[in-house]
Amino acid sequence: MEFRTRQTTVHFNAAFKLPGLDMVQPAGDYRVDHDEEQIENVSRQAWRRIDTIIHLPAINEKGSKRQMLSISPSDLDAAIERDRQ
């Protein structure tokens, strides 16, 4: 089975909160990785998302350290939609 990671960037105009995090995140650009596996036994190439990870700044850490949070795509989409309103 083949695996791949697609990277995208999401932009938040205002501070936002995600499920699973106690702290509000600052506005800005955030990298999101979409891990996918290839679906076998189909007549054309198809991929299924198996994980979505958002990269966040590490709170209370100096330097360029970051933390990664596995998030459901629907929670991420809801946060993006709230930001657009």
N, C-alpha and C. Protein backbone atom coordinates (compact mmCIF):
# COMPACT_ATOMS: atom_id res chain seq x y z
N MET A 1 0.85 -1.18 0.00
CA MET A 1 0.00 0.00 0.00
C MET A 1 0.90 1.25 0.00
N GLU A 2 0.54 2.22 -0.79
CA GLU A 2 1.29 3.46 -0.86
C GLU A 2 0.69 4.52 0.07
N PHE A 3 1.58 5.37 0.59
CA PHE A 3 1.16 6.49 1.44
C PHE A 3 1.75 7.77 0.88
N ARG A 4 1.07 8.88 1.14
CA ARG A 4 1.61 10.18 0.75
C ARG A 4 1.13 11.22 1.76
N THR A 5 1.84 12.34 1.78
CA THR A 5 1.45 13.47 2.61
C THR A 5 1.30 14.69 1.71
N ARG A 6 0.13 15.30 1.73
CA ARG A 6 -0.10 16.57 1.03
C ARG A 6 -0.02 17.68 2.05
N GLN A 7 0.68 18.76 1.70
CA GLN A 7 0.79 19.90 2.60
C GLN A 7 0.00 21.07 2.04
N THR A 8 -0.75 21.72 2.93
CA THR A 8 -1.47 22.94 2.56
C THR A 8 -1.20 23.98 3.64
N THR A 9 -1.57 25.20 3.36
CA THR A 9 -1.47 26.28 4.34
C THR A 9 -2.85 26.87 4.52
N VAL A 10 -3.25 27.03 5.78
CA VAL A 10 -4.52 27.70 6.07
C VAL A 10 -4.19 29.01 6.77
N HIS A 11 -5.01 30.02 6.51
CA HIS A 11 -4.80 31.33 7.11
C HIS A 11 -5.99 31.67 8.01
N PHE A 12 -5.67 32.12 9.22
CA PHE A 12 -6.68 32.60 10.15
C PHE A 12 -6.49 34.10 10.32
N ASN A 13 -7.56 34.86 10.11
CA ASN A 13 -7.52 36.31 10.27
C ASN A 13 -7.59 36.75 11.72
N ALA A 14 -8.11 35.89 12.58
CA ALA A 14 -8.28 36.20 13.99
C ALA A 14 -7.80 35.02 14.82
N ALA A 15 -7.58 35.26 16.10
CA ALA A 15 -7.22 34.18 17.01
C ALA A 15 -8.32 33.11 16.98
N PHE A 16 -7.94 31.86 17.20
CA PHE A 16 -8.91 30.76 17.08
C PHE A 16 -8.60 29.68 18.11
N LYS A 17 -9.59 28.84 18.33
CA LYS A 17 -9.46 27.73 19.28
C LYS A 17 -9.84 26.44 18.56
N LEU A 18 -9.11 25.38 18.87
CA LEU A 18 -9.37 24.07 18.28
C LEU A 18 -9.71 23.07 19.38
N PRO A 19 -10.56 22.10 19.09
CA PRO A 19 -10.84 21.05 20.07
C PRO A 19 -9.54 20.34 20.45
N GLY A 20 -9.38 20.05 21.72
CA GLY A 20 -8.18 19.37 22.18
C GLY A 20 -7.09 20.31 22.65
N LEU A 21 -7.29 21.61 22.47
CA LEU A 21 -6.31 22.60 22.92
C LEU A 21 -6.95 23.51 23.95
N ASP A 22 -6.21 23.80 25.01
CA ASP A 22 -6.71 24.71 26.04
C ASP A 22 -6.49 26.17 25.66
N MET A 23 -5.46 26.41 24.87
CA MET A 23 -5.08 27.79 24.58
C MET A 23 -5.61 28.25 23.22
N VAL A 24 -5.90 29.53 23.14
CA VAL A 24 -6.27 30.16 21.88
C VAL A 24 -5.01 30.36 21.06
N GLN A 25 -5.10 30.09 19.78
CA GLN A 25 -3.96 30.23 18.87
C GLN A 25 -4.02 31.59 18.18
N PRO A 26 -2.87 32.20 17.93
CA PRO A 26 -2.87 33.52 17.29
C PRO A 26 -3.22 33.44 15.81
N ALA A 27 -3.71 34.54 15.27
CA ALA A 27 -3.98 34.64 13.84
C ALA A 27 -2.69 34.39 13.08
N GLY A 28 -2.83 33.94 11.83
CA GLY A 28 -1.64 33.74 11.00
C GLY A 28 -1.81 32.55 10.08
N ASP A 29 -0.71 32.17 9.44
CA ASP A 29 -0.68 31.04 8.53
C ASP A 29 -0.22 29.79 9.27
N TYR A 30 -0.87 28.67 8.98
CA TYR A 30 -0.56 27.40 9.63
C TYR A 30 -0.43 26.31 8.58
N ARG A 31 0.64 25.51 8.71
CA ARG A 31 0.82 24.38 7.81
C ARG A 31 -0.06 23.23 8.27
N VAL A 32 -0.69 22.57 7.31
CA VAL A 32 -1.52 21.40 7.59
C VAL A 32 -1.04 20.26 6.70
N ASP A 33 -0.78 19.10 7.31
CA ASP A 33 -0.40 17.90 6.56
C ASP A 33 -1.61 16.97 6.50
N HIS A 34 -1.86 16.45 5.31
CA HIS A 34 -2.94 15.48 5.09
C HIS A 34 -2.28 14.16 4.71
N ASP A 35 -2.25 13.21 5.63
CA ASP A 35 -1.68 11.89 5.35
C ASP A 35 -2.76 11.03 4.69
N GLU A 36 -2.37 10.40 3.58
CA GLU A 36 -3.34 9.62 2.80
C GLU A 36 -2.75 8.27 2.43
N GLU A 37 -3.63 7.29 2.27
CA GLU A 37 -3.22 5.98 1.78
C GLU A 37 -3.95 5.70 0.47
N GLN A 38 -3.27 5.00 -0.41
CA GLN A 38 -3.88 4.68 -1.69
C GLN A 38 -4.91 3.56 -1.51
N ILE A 39 -6.04 3.72 -2.15
CA ILE A 39 -7.09 2.71 -2.11
C ILE A 39 -6.81 1.72 -3.23
N GLU A 40 -6.69 0.46 -2.88
CA GLU A 40 -6.40 -0.56 -3.87
C GLU A 40 -7.70 -1.15 -4.41
N ASN A 41 -7.57 -1.86 -5.52
CA ASN A 41 -8.70 -2.54 -6.16
C ASN A 41 -9.75 -1.58 -6.70
N VAL A 42 -9.32 -0.44 -7.20
CA VAL A 42 -10.24 0.45 -7.87
C VAL A 42 -9.74 0.64 -9.30
N SER A 43 -10.63 1.02 -10.18
CA SER A 43 -10.27 1.14 -11.59
C SER A 43 -9.43 2.37 -11.90
N ARG A 44 -9.37 3.30 -10.96
CA ARG A 44 -8.52 4.48 -11.14
C ARG A 44 -7.83 4.77 -9.82
N GLN A 45 -6.79 5.59 -9.86
CA GLN A 45 -6.05 5.90 -8.65
C GLN A 45 -6.92 6.74 -7.70
N ALA A 46 -6.98 6.31 -6.45
CA ALA A 46 -7.77 7.02 -5.45
C ALA A 46 -7.03 6.97 -4.11
N TRP A 47 -7.26 8.03 -3.32
CA TRP A 47 -6.58 8.14 -2.02
C TRP A 47 -7.61 8.39 -0.94
N ARG A 48 -7.32 7.87 0.27
CA ARG A 48 -8.19 8.05 1.44
C ARG A 48 -7.37 8.76 2.51
N ARG A 49 -7.93 9.83 3.09
CA ARG A 49 -7.24 10.56 4.15
C ARG A 49 -7.27 9.71 5.42
N ILE A 50 -6.10 9.56 6.04
CA ILE A 50 -6.02 8.77 7.27
C ILE A 50 -5.65 9.64 8.47
N ASP A 51 -5.14 10.85 8.23
CA ASP A 51 -4.81 11.74 9.34
C ASP A 51 -4.65 13.16 8.82
N THR A 52 -5.02 14.13 9.64
CA THR A 52 -4.81 15.55 9.35
C THR A 52 -4.09 16.14 10.55
N ILE A 53 -2.97 16.80 10.28
CA ILE A 53 -2.13 17.34 11.35
C ILE A 53 -1.89 18.81 11.09
N ILE A 54 -2.15 19.65 12.11
CA ILE A 54 -1.87 21.07 12.01
C ILE A 54 -0.62 21.37 12.84
N HIS A 55 0.25 22.20 12.28
CA HIS A 55 1.49 22.59 12.96
C HIS A 55 1.24 23.91 13.67
N LEU A 56 1.50 23.92 14.99
CA LEU A 56 1.24 25.09 15.84
C LEU A 56 2.53 25.54 16.50
N PRO A 57 2.62 26.82 16.84
CA PRO A 57 3.80 27.25 17.60
C PRO A 57 3.78 26.61 18.98
N ALA A 58 4.94 26.20 19.46
CA ALA A 58 5.03 25.61 20.80
C ALA A 58 4.88 26.72 21.82
N ILE A 59 3.91 26.61 22.69
CA ILE A 59 3.64 27.62 23.70
C ILE A 59 4.72 27.55 24.79
N ASN A 60 5.17 28.71 25.23
CA ASN A 60 6.17 28.81 26.29
C ASN A 60 7.51 28.19 25.93
N GLU A 61 7.84 28.11 24.65
CA GLU A 61 9.12 27.59 24.20
C GLU A 61 9.83 28.68 23.42
N LYS A 62 11.14 28.75 23.58
CA LYS A 62 11.93 29.73 22.85
C LYS A 62 12.42 29.10 21.55
N GLY A 63 12.67 29.94 20.55
CA GLY A 63 13.19 29.45 19.29
C GLY A 63 12.10 29.07 18.32
N SER A 64 12.44 28.17 17.42
CA SER A 64 11.50 27.82 16.35
C SER A 64 10.79 26.50 16.60
N LYS A 65 10.67 26.08 17.86
CA LYS A 65 9.99 24.82 18.16
C LYS A 65 8.52 24.92 17.81
N ARG A 66 7.97 23.79 17.39
CA ARG A 66 6.57 23.74 17.01
C ARG A 66 5.96 22.49 17.62
N GLN A 67 4.65 22.48 17.69
CA GLN A 67 3.93 21.28 18.11
C GLN A 67 2.99 20.89 16.99
N MET A 68 2.67 19.61 16.95
CA MET A 68 1.76 19.11 15.93
C MET A 68 0.54 18.53 16.62
N LEU A 69 -0.63 18.80 16.06
CA LEU A 69 -1.87 18.32 16.63
C LEU A 69 -2.66 17.59 15.56
N SER A 70 -2.98 16.34 15.84
CA SER A 70 -3.86 15.59 14.95
C SER A 70 -5.28 16.12 15.16
N ILE A 71 -5.95 16.46 14.07
CA ILE A 71 -7.26 17.10 14.16
C ILE A 71 -8.19 16.48 13.12
N SER A 72 -9.46 16.42 13.44
CA SER A 72 -10.40 15.91 12.44
C SER A 72 -10.59 16.98 11.36
N PRO A 73 -10.71 16.56 10.11
CA PRO A 73 -10.93 17.53 9.05
C PRO A 73 -12.17 18.40 9.28
N SER A 74 -13.21 17.84 9.88
CA SER A 74 -14.43 18.62 10.12
C SER A 74 -14.19 19.70 11.18
N ASP A 75 -13.37 19.42 12.21
CA ASP A 75 -13.05 20.44 13.21
C ASP A 75 -12.23 21.56 12.59
N LEU A 76 -11.29 21.21 11.71
CA LEU A 76 -10.49 22.22 11.03
C LEU A 76 -11.36 23.07 10.12
N ASP A 77 -12.23 22.42 9.35
CA ASP A 77 -13.14 23.16 8.46
C ASP A 77 -14.05 24.10 9.25
N ALA A 78 -14.52 23.64 10.42
CA ALA A 78 -15.39 24.48 11.25
C ALA A 78 -14.63 25.70 11.78
N ALA A 79 -13.37 25.53 12.17
CA ALA A 79 -12.57 26.65 12.65
C ALA A 79 -12.32 27.66 11.53
N ILE A 80 -12.06 27.17 10.33
CA ILE A 80 -11.85 28.05 9.17
C ILE A 80 -13.14 28.81 8.86
N GLU A 81 -14.26 28.13 8.92
CA GLU A 81 -15.56 28.78 8.64
C GLU A 81 -15.87 29.85 9.68
N ARG A 82 -15.63 29.56 10.96
CA ARG A 82 -15.85 30.56 12.02
C ARG A 82 -14.97 31.79 11.78
N ASP A 83 -13.76 31.57 11.31
CA ASP A 83 -12.85 32.68 11.05
C ASP A 83 -13.34 33.56 9.90
N ARG A 84 -14.02 32.97 8.94
CA ARG A 84 -14.50 33.73 7.77
C ARG A 84 -15.72 34.57 8.10
N GLN A 85 -16.42 34.27 9.19
CA GLN A 85 -17.66 34.99 9.53
C GLN A 85 -17.41 36.28 10.22
